[in-house]
Amino acid sequence: MFITAGSVCLAAPWNQFRGPNGEGKSEANAPSAFGEDKNVKWKTPMPGKAWSSPVVWGDQVWFTNAEKDGKKLWAVCLDLETGRVVHNALVFEIEKPQFCIEKNSYASPTPVIEAGRVYVTFGSHGTACLDTKTARTLWHRQDLACDHFRGAASSPILHGDLFILLFDGADQQYVVALDKKDGKTKWLHRRAFDFRTDNGDAKKGYGTPSIITHQGRAQLICPAAVATEALDPATGELLWTVRTGGMNASALPLYGHGLVFVSNGMGRLSAIRPEGTGDISVKGIVWDANKNIPRKPSYILLGDLLFMMDDSGIASCMDAKTGAVVWNERIGGAYSASPILAKDRIYWFSEEGDVPVIAAAREFKLVAKNKLPDGFMATPAVAGDALILRTKSAVYRVQ
């Protein structure tokens, strides 16, 4: 535990996309009701167009930003206590950015942070490590290439001394681990399965990997179009593959009850027993579900229950062990951001700015429905009992 400015106690830093282990869970005593003029400690306007989520370490909030045309790419740091801009570091200038669809942005991947260092990536346009005190670039790479086709969105993770990224483009698809100290490549794994298509849209992906330990074996779970691979995180060696189908995979894999929960980006959720080697598609899939499954947002796993909101605003609760539906309810709206859990409440964030708050329980209960202007594409962060929310035009501290 450490203390931030304003005596905000953090049980664990919100260090990556969806926080510790990518699970989206916290013990925050956050307000269930808030709005532009209610329970907002500060609001910092943020120009540009960028969907990366905030990360928090100590008294700093970091995220990336970009001009709409992608020619200038920044790393931004706010003071957690006041919302003041501490750093606005121009990391890369790109003469000819790749094409990016309107739904995406040139700064969609979320940074990952640790003591003294923040790591940012803009996909093939560049990856860098910055000193959190000075915002000075410690190392950078611009030779990790792929054609993202519709823009980059895969967020990185840290594992020991490794900084791990997915590059799933239309032309090439690979997983790479860099030495976090100097950015040099430690290993690179090229996707080893047959996509069975020449369609670039059916090959690209937006996935964020996760690290699990199953039966004493560490595994790096790497979702992609068509299939999900598990690698040895230390070496990049392929452990197993499951053909999960789909394309545009973006949800972060979760682990519980001896199962890995993987979304294929096209409305199918698979519960996989992460055992064995080679292609385990037949024996590895314990259950599948394809009704009201989100294409972009991730899930919340709490005990035996999986909570989710599909892209069109249908909230669901499923039994994680069997895939049986416990309940589903239409909330309405469009959703790209992933939910977060604060104690016993789940917060969702719509593209229109609605924030429904639902009890994390076997019986559906809408606790509150809030609203902020401009809407959400970025998944929020948690700092103590505060929510750090990034809309399309501003960053808020709600407490």
Protein backbone atom coordinates (compact mmCIF):
# COMPACT_ATOMS: atom_id res chain seq x y z
CA MET A 1 0.00 0.00 0.00
CA PHE A 2 1.16 3.51 -0.67
CA ILE A 3 -0.24 6.99 -0.17
CA THR A 4 -0.92 9.57 -2.84
CA ALA A 5 -1.46 13.30 -2.56
CA GLY A 6 -4.66 14.07 -0.72
CA SER A 7 -4.25 10.89 1.36
CA VAL A 8 -5.84 8.64 -1.25
CA CYS A 9 -4.97 5.07 -0.28
CA LEU A 10 -4.38 2.65 -3.11
CA ALA A 11 -4.46 -1.04 -2.33
CA ALA A 12 -2.84 -1.57 -5.75
CA PRO A 13 -1.91 0.86 -8.50
CA TRP A 14 -4.20 0.93 -11.53
CA ASN A 15 -1.21 0.07 -13.66
CA GLN A 16 -2.61 -1.18 -16.98
CA PHE A 17 -5.76 -1.54 -19.08
CA ARG A 18 -8.49 -2.61 -16.61
CA GLY A 19 -6.17 -2.32 -13.61
CA PRO A 20 -4.37 -5.06 -11.67
CA ASN A 21 -4.22 -8.27 -13.73
CA GLY A 22 -6.63 -6.68 -16.20
CA GLU A 23 -9.62 -7.82 -14.15
CA GLY A 24 -11.40 -4.45 -13.85
CA LYS A 25 -12.03 -5.00 -10.12
CA SER A 26 -11.48 -2.78 -7.08
CA GLU A 27 -12.62 -2.24 -3.51
CA ALA A 28 -13.28 1.45 -4.18
CA ASN A 29 -16.04 3.11 -2.18
CA ALA A 30 -16.99 5.11 -5.25
CA PRO A 31 -20.24 7.12 -5.52
CA SER A 32 -23.06 5.36 -7.33
CA ALA A 33 -24.56 8.72 -8.32
CA PHE A 34 -22.62 11.49 -10.05
CA GLY A 35 -22.85 13.98 -12.87
CA GLU A 36 -21.28 17.13 -14.28
CA ASP A 37 -22.23 19.06 -11.10
CA LYS A 38 -22.31 16.20 -8.58
CA ASN A 39 -19.39 14.32 -6.96
CA VAL A 40 -16.88 15.65 -9.48
CA LYS A 41 -13.65 16.71 -7.73
CA TRP A 42 -12.04 17.99 -10.92
CA LYS A 43 -12.51 18.07 -14.67
CA THR A 44 -9.65 18.61 -17.13
CA PRO A 45 -10.59 19.34 -20.75
CA MET A 46 -8.53 17.29 -23.19
CA PRO A 47 -8.27 18.27 -26.87
CA GLY A 48 -7.46 15.78 -29.59
CA LYS A 49 -9.01 12.40 -30.31
CA ALA A 50 -7.81 9.40 -28.31
CA TRP A 51 -9.45 6.39 -26.66
CA SER A 52 -6.62 5.12 -24.43
CA SER A 53 -7.60 4.49 -20.82
CA PRO A 54 -5.97 6.26 -17.86
CA VAL A 55 -3.46 4.46 -15.64
CA VAL A 56 -2.58 5.62 -12.12
CA TRP A 57 0.59 5.38 -10.05
CA GLY A 58 1.16 7.43 -6.89
CA ASP A 59 -0.03 10.98 -7.54
CA GLN A 60 0.05 10.66 -11.34
CA VAL A 61 -2.59 9.83 -13.97
CA TRP A 62 -1.16 8.94 -17.40
CA PHE A 63 -2.76 8.33 -20.81
CA THR A 64 -1.92 8.93 -24.46
CA ASN A 65 -3.34 11.52 -26.82
CA ALA A 66 -3.31 12.24 -30.56
CA GLU A 67 -4.38 14.73 -33.13
CA LYS A 68 -7.33 13.47 -35.13
CA ASP A 69 -5.12 13.03 -38.19
CA GLY A 70 -2.53 11.01 -36.25
CA LYS A 71 0.45 13.19 -37.10
CA LYS A 72 1.31 14.08 -33.49
CA LEU A 73 1.23 11.54 -30.66
CA TRP A 74 1.52 12.50 -26.99
CA ALA A 75 1.89 11.05 -23.51
CA VAL A 76 -0.05 13.09 -20.96
CA CYS A 77 0.27 13.15 -17.17
CA LEU A 78 -2.24 14.77 -14.81
CA ASP A 79 -1.85 15.43 -11.10
CA LEU A 80 -4.20 13.03 -9.32
CA GLU A 81 -5.13 15.53 -6.62
CA THR A 82 -5.89 18.57 -8.81
CA GLY A 83 -6.23 17.41 -12.42
CA ARG A 84 -3.48 19.84 -13.44
CA VAL A 85 -1.50 18.87 -16.56
CA VAL A 86 1.98 17.91 -15.31
CA HIS A 87 3.40 16.60 -18.61
CA ASN A 88 2.23 16.83 -22.19
CA ALA A 89 5.10 15.10 -23.96
CA LEU A 90 5.15 14.90 -27.74
CA VAL A 91 6.49 11.36 -28.21
CA PHE A 92 6.22 10.85 -31.97
CA GLU A 93 5.55 12.91 -35.08
CA ILE A 94 4.27 10.83 -37.99
CA GLU A 95 4.50 12.18 -41.51
CA LYS A 96 2.15 9.65 -43.10
CA PRO A 97 -0.04 7.85 -40.52
CA GLN A 98 -1.75 4.60 -41.44
CA PHE A 99 -5.47 4.70 -42.19
CA CYS A 100 -7.68 4.73 -39.09
CA ILE A 101 -11.45 4.34 -39.12
CA GLU A 102 -13.61 7.00 -37.47
CA LYS A 103 -14.65 4.57 -34.69
CA ASN A 104 -11.01 4.15 -33.66
CA SER A 105 -8.29 6.71 -32.81
CA TYR A 106 -4.54 7.08 -33.27
CA ALA A 107 -4.02 6.75 -29.50
CA SER A 108 -6.26 3.84 -28.47
CA PRO A 109 -3.77 1.47 -26.75
CA THR A 110 -3.62 2.05 -22.99
CA PRO A 111 -0.19 2.64 -21.37
CA VAL A 112 1.26 0.45 -18.65
CA ILE A 113 3.05 2.01 -15.68
CA GLU A 114 5.38 1.09 -12.83
CA ALA A 115 7.55 3.01 -10.38
CA GLY A 116 9.47 5.65 -12.34
CA ARG A 117 8.47 4.48 -15.82
CA VAL A 118 5.46 4.63 -18.10
CA TYR A 119 5.34 2.62 -21.33
CA VAL A 120 3.24 3.88 -24.23
CA THR A 121 2.48 2.39 -27.61
CA PHE A 122 0.74 3.68 -30.70
CA GLY A 123 1.02 0.39 -32.55
CA SER A 124 3.29 0.45 -35.58
CA HIS A 125 3.68 4.22 -35.31
CA GLY A 126 5.88 3.79 -32.26
CA THR A 127 6.44 2.42 -28.78
CA ALA A 128 8.36 4.23 -26.03
CA CYS A 129 9.33 4.22 -22.37
CA LEU A 130 9.23 7.56 -20.51
CA ASP A 131 10.58 8.70 -17.16
CA THR A 132 7.50 9.55 -15.08
CA LYS A 133 9.22 12.41 -13.26
CA THR A 134 10.60 14.26 -16.30
CA ALA A 135 8.62 12.74 -19.21
CA ARG A 136 11.97 12.20 -20.93
CA THR A 137 12.01 9.32 -23.43
CA LEU A 138 14.30 6.57 -22.13
CA TRP A 139 13.98 4.35 -25.20
CA HIS A 140 11.76 4.02 -28.23
CA ARG A 141 11.04 1.64 -31.12
CA GLN A 142 9.50 2.40 -34.50
CA ASP A 143 10.55 -0.78 -36.31
CA LEU A 144 7.73 -3.03 -35.00
CA ALA A 145 5.65 -3.01 -38.16
CA CYS A 146 2.27 -4.24 -39.30
CA ASP A 147 -0.63 -2.87 -41.30
CA HIS A 148 -3.26 -2.26 -38.62
CA PHE A 149 -5.75 -1.73 -41.48
CA ARG A 150 -8.30 0.13 -39.31
CA GLY A 151 -6.01 1.56 -36.62
CA ALA A 152 -4.18 0.07 -33.63
CA ALA A 153 -5.91 -0.69 -30.32
CA SER A 154 -4.02 -3.52 -28.55
CA SER A 155 -2.77 -2.55 -25.08
CA PRO A 156 0.53 -3.86 -23.65
CA ILE A 157 1.29 -5.58 -20.35
CA LEU A 158 4.36 -6.02 -18.15
CA HIS A 159 5.57 -9.39 -16.87
CA GLY A 160 8.74 -9.41 -14.82
CA ASP A 161 11.38 -7.70 -16.96
CA LEU A 162 9.30 -8.08 -20.12
CA PHE A 163 7.09 -5.56 -21.91
CA ILE A 164 4.68 -7.57 -24.07
CA LEU A 165 2.66 -6.39 -27.08
CA LEU A 166 0.39 -7.92 -29.74
CA PHE A 167 0.70 -6.84 -33.37
CA ASP A 168 -2.22 -8.39 -35.26
CA GLY A 169 -2.40 -6.61 -38.59
CA ALA A 170 -3.85 -7.41 -41.97
CA ASP A 171 -0.42 -8.31 -43.35
CA GLN A 172 1.41 -9.90 -40.42
CA GLN A 173 0.49 -11.05 -36.94
CA TYR A 174 2.90 -11.59 -34.06
CA VAL A 175 3.51 -11.32 -30.31
CA VAL A 176 6.69 -9.62 -29.13
CA ALA A 177 8.37 -9.28 -25.74
CA LEU A 178 10.82 -6.42 -25.20
CA ASP A 179 13.32 -5.95 -22.41
CA LYS A 180 11.63 -3.20 -20.42
CA LYS A 181 14.99 -1.69 -19.45
CA ASP A 182 16.18 -0.85 -22.97
CA GLY A 183 13.41 -1.87 -25.38
CA LYS A 184 15.45 -4.59 -27.11
CA THR A 185 13.59 -7.64 -28.40
CA LYS A 186 13.78 -10.66 -26.10
CA TRP A 187 11.59 -12.92 -28.21
CA LEU A 188 9.10 -12.72 -31.07
CA HIS A 189 6.40 -15.28 -31.88
CA ARG A 190 4.64 -15.22 -35.23
CA ARG A 191 1.07 -16.49 -35.14
CA ALA A 192 1.35 -20.20 -35.91
CA PHE A 193 -2.15 -21.04 -37.16
CA ASP A 194 -3.73 -20.80 -40.60
CA PHE A 195 -6.19 -17.91 -40.88
CA ARG A 196 -7.74 -19.63 -43.91
CA THR A 197 -8.45 -16.28 -45.55
CA ASP A 198 -6.73 -13.50 -47.47
CA ASN A 199 -9.15 -10.88 -46.13
CA GLY A 200 -7.18 -8.39 -44.02
CA ASP A 201 -10.27 -7.46 -42.02
CA ALA A 202 -10.58 -11.09 -40.96
CA LYS A 203 -6.96 -11.20 -39.76
CA LYS A 204 -6.59 -7.99 -37.75
CA GLY A 205 -7.08 -7.90 -33.97
CA TYR A 206 -7.19 -5.49 -31.05
CA GLY A 207 -6.45 -7.89 -28.21
CA THR A 208 -4.68 -7.31 -24.91
CA PRO A 209 -2.90 -10.39 -23.53
CA SER A 210 -3.12 -11.68 -19.98
CA ILE A 211 -0.90 -13.80 -17.76
CA ILE A 212 -2.37 -16.75 -15.88
CA THR A 213 -0.93 -19.55 -13.80
CA HIS A 214 -2.70 -22.89 -14.24
CA GLN A 215 -1.48 -26.02 -12.47
CA GLY A 216 1.78 -24.26 -11.71
CA ARG A 217 2.47 -23.27 -15.32
CA ALA A 218 2.61 -19.60 -16.30
CA GLN A 219 0.79 -18.90 -19.56
CA LEU A 220 0.52 -15.82 -21.75
CA ILE A 221 -2.98 -15.83 -23.26
CA CYS A 222 -2.99 -14.05 -26.63
CA PRO A 223 -6.37 -13.66 -28.38
CA ALA A 224 -6.44 -13.04 -32.13
CA ALA A 225 -8.73 -13.36 -35.11
CA VAL A 226 -9.67 -17.00 -35.74
CA ALA A 227 -7.76 -18.46 -32.77
CA THR A 228 -6.36 -17.88 -29.30
CA GLU A 229 -2.79 -18.92 -28.49
CA ALA A 230 -1.10 -19.57 -25.15
CA LEU A 231 2.64 -18.95 -24.97
CA ASP A 232 5.35 -19.46 -22.39
CA PRO A 233 5.82 -15.83 -21.27
CA ALA A 234 9.52 -16.33 -20.59
CA THR A 235 10.42 -17.65 -24.06
CA GLY A 236 7.48 -17.10 -26.42
CA GLU A 237 7.22 -20.87 -27.00
CA LEU A 238 3.75 -21.92 -28.20
CA LEU A 239 1.92 -24.02 -25.61
CA TRP A 240 -1.54 -24.52 -27.10
CA THR A 241 -4.01 -23.14 -29.62
CA VAL A 242 -7.82 -23.01 -29.63
CA ARG A 243 -9.70 -22.02 -32.78
CA THR A 244 -12.18 -19.60 -31.24
CA GLY A 245 -13.27 -18.14 -34.59
CA GLY A 246 -14.24 -14.53 -35.14
CA MET A 247 -12.20 -11.39 -35.84
CA ASN A 248 -11.46 -8.01 -34.22
CA ALA A 249 -10.88 -9.66 -30.83
CA SER A 250 -10.48 -6.95 -28.19
CA ALA A 251 -11.74 -8.20 -24.80
CA LEU A 252 -9.05 -9.05 -22.27
CA PRO A 253 -9.05 -12.78 -21.35
CA LEU A 254 -10.03 -13.61 -17.76
CA TYR A 255 -9.15 -16.65 -15.66
CA GLY A 256 -11.08 -18.39 -12.90
CA HIS A 257 -12.36 -21.84 -11.85
CA GLY A 258 -9.57 -23.40 -13.92
CA LEU A 259 -10.97 -21.79 -17.08
CA VAL A 260 -9.85 -19.03 -19.43
CA PHE A 261 -12.72 -16.88 -20.75
CA VAL A 262 -12.03 -15.58 -24.26
CA SER A 263 -14.22 -13.45 -26.52
CA ASN A 264 -13.69 -13.80 -30.27
CA GLY A 265 -14.76 -10.25 -31.17
CA MET A 266 -17.84 -11.36 -33.08
CA GLY A 267 -20.24 -12.23 -30.28
CA ARG A 268 -18.94 -15.58 -29.04
CA LEU A 269 -17.53 -16.34 -25.60
CA SER A 270 -15.52 -19.51 -24.97
CA ALA A 271 -14.55 -21.07 -21.65
CA ILE A 272 -11.28 -22.93 -22.23
CA ARG A 273 -9.51 -25.50 -20.03
CA PRO A 274 -5.89 -24.32 -20.50
CA GLU A 275 -4.21 -27.71 -20.46
CA GLY A 276 -2.22 -29.82 -22.90
CA THR A 277 -0.26 -28.86 -25.99
CA GLY A 278 -0.97 -28.28 -29.66
CA ASP A 279 -4.48 -27.70 -30.98
CA ILE A 280 -6.85 -28.27 -28.06
CA SER A 281 -9.95 -26.87 -29.81
CA VAL A 282 -12.00 -30.03 -29.28
CA LYS A 283 -11.07 -31.07 -25.75
CA GLY A 284 -10.20 -27.61 -24.44
CA ILE A 285 -13.51 -25.78 -24.89
CA VAL A 286 -15.75 -26.49 -21.88
CA TRP A 287 -18.64 -24.28 -23.02
CA ASP A 288 -19.52 -21.66 -25.63
CA ALA A 289 -22.10 -18.87 -25.62
CA ASN A 290 -23.18 -16.64 -28.49
CA LYS A 291 -26.24 -14.73 -27.25
CA ASN A 292 -25.88 -11.14 -25.97
CA ILE A 293 -22.10 -11.48 -25.93
CA PRO A 294 -20.17 -8.19 -26.30
CA ARG A 295 -17.93 -7.74 -29.31
CA LYS A 296 -15.73 -4.98 -27.86
CA PRO A 297 -16.23 -4.59 -24.06
CA SER A 298 -14.56 -6.97 -21.61
CA TYR A 299 -16.24 -8.74 -18.67
CA ILE A 300 -16.30 -8.81 -14.90
CA LEU A 301 -15.72 -12.18 -13.22
CA LEU A 302 -16.88 -12.17 -9.60
CA GLY A 303 -17.07 -15.50 -7.80
CA ASP A 304 -19.15 -17.87 -9.90
CA LEU A 305 -20.67 -15.08 -11.98
CA LEU A 306 -19.68 -13.40 -15.25
CA PHE A 307 -21.18 -9.96 -15.87
CA MET A 308 -21.20 -8.32 -19.28
CA MET A 309 -22.87 -5.66 -21.42
CA ASP A 310 -23.11 -6.24 -25.15
CA ASP A 311 -22.43 -3.45 -27.62
CA SER A 312 -26.15 -2.66 -27.96
CA GLY A 313 -26.85 -2.25 -24.23
CA ILE A 314 -28.09 -5.66 -23.07
CA ALA A 315 -26.66 -6.49 -19.63
CA SER A 316 -26.19 -10.15 -18.74
CA CYS A 317 -25.11 -12.36 -15.89
CA MET A 318 -23.89 -15.90 -16.57
CA ASP A 319 -22.75 -18.84 -14.50
CA ALA A 320 -18.99 -18.90 -15.13
CA LYS A 321 -18.69 -22.66 -14.66
CA THR A 322 -21.48 -23.69 -17.03
CA GLY A 323 -22.32 -20.72 -19.26
CA ALA A 324 -25.95 -20.81 -18.12
CA VAL A 325 -27.72 -17.44 -18.26
CA VAL A 326 -28.66 -16.15 -14.79
CA TRP A 327 -30.35 -12.96 -16.07
CA ASN A 328 -30.28 -10.44 -18.88
CA GLU A 329 -31.83 -6.99 -19.08
CA ARG A 330 -31.97 -4.32 -21.77
CA ILE A 331 -30.33 -1.10 -20.57
CA GLY A 332 -29.96 0.59 -23.94
CA GLY A 333 -27.16 2.58 -25.53
CA ALA A 334 -23.97 1.69 -27.41
CA TYR A 335 -20.91 0.35 -25.55
CA SER A 336 -17.22 0.10 -26.42
CA ALA A 337 -15.58 0.79 -23.02
CA SER A 338 -15.23 -2.06 -20.54
CA PRO A 339 -16.92 -2.16 -17.11
CA ILE A 340 -15.31 -1.77 -13.71
CA LEU A 341 -16.30 -3.23 -10.35
CA ALA A 342 -16.25 -1.09 -7.20
CA LYS A 343 -17.04 -3.27 -4.18
CA ASP A 344 -20.46 -4.74 -5.03
CA ARG A 345 -21.41 -2.43 -7.90
CA ILE A 346 -20.59 -2.61 -11.60
CA TYR A 347 -20.25 0.57 -13.65
CA TRP A 348 -20.74 0.63 -17.42
CA PHE A 349 -19.89 3.54 -19.70
CA SER A 350 -21.75 4.18 -22.94
CA GLU A 351 -20.69 6.02 -26.06
CA GLU A 352 -23.53 8.48 -25.39
CA GLY A 353 -22.27 9.27 -21.87
CA ASP A 354 -24.71 7.18 -19.84
CA VAL A 355 -23.24 5.37 -16.82
CA PRO A 356 -25.61 2.69 -15.52
CA VAL A 357 -24.60 1.20 -12.18
CA ILE A 358 -25.78 -2.35 -11.49
CA ALA A 359 -25.57 -4.56 -8.41
CA ALA A 360 -23.04 -7.37 -8.85
CA ALA A 361 -25.55 -10.01 -7.80
CA ARG A 362 -27.59 -12.98 -8.98
CA GLU A 363 -30.66 -10.77 -9.13
CA PHE A 364 -30.70 -7.82 -11.49
CA LYS A 365 -30.84 -4.42 -9.80
CA LEU A 366 -30.22 -1.06 -11.44
CA VAL A 367 -28.64 1.02 -8.66
CA ALA A 368 -28.29 4.31 -10.56
CA LYS A 369 -28.03 5.79 -14.02
CA ASN A 370 -25.70 8.73 -14.48
CA LYS A 371 -24.70 10.96 -17.37
CA LEU A 372 -21.61 12.88 -18.48
CA PRO A 373 -21.30 14.90 -21.69
CA ASP A 374 -19.65 13.58 -24.88
CA GLY A 375 -19.63 9.89 -24.01
CA PHE A 376 -17.02 7.20 -23.42
CA MET A 377 -14.71 5.14 -25.57
CA ALA A 378 -12.02 4.76 -22.88
CA THR A 379 -12.32 2.38 -19.92
CA PRO A 380 -11.97 4.23 -16.56
CA ALA A 381 -9.32 3.82 -13.89
CA VAL A 382 -9.63 3.65 -10.10
CA ALA A 383 -7.53 5.56 -7.55
CA GLY A 384 -8.44 4.82 -3.94
CA ASP A 385 -12.16 5.65 -3.73
CA ALA A 386 -12.06 7.82 -6.85
CA LEU A 387 -13.01 6.96 -10.41
CA ILE A 388 -10.85 8.52 -13.13
CA LEU A 389 -13.15 8.84 -16.12
CA ARG A 390 -12.06 9.82 -19.61
CA THR A 391 -14.79 11.00 -21.96
CA LYS A 392 -14.21 11.98 -25.57
CA SER A 393 -13.30 15.53 -24.52
CA ALA A 394 -12.26 15.58 -20.83
CA VAL A 395 -10.88 13.66 -17.87
CA TYR A 396 -12.81 13.63 -14.56
CA ARG A 397 -12.10 12.60 -11.00
CA VAL A 398 -15.38 11.38 -9.49
CA GLN A 399 -15.45 10.89 -5.71
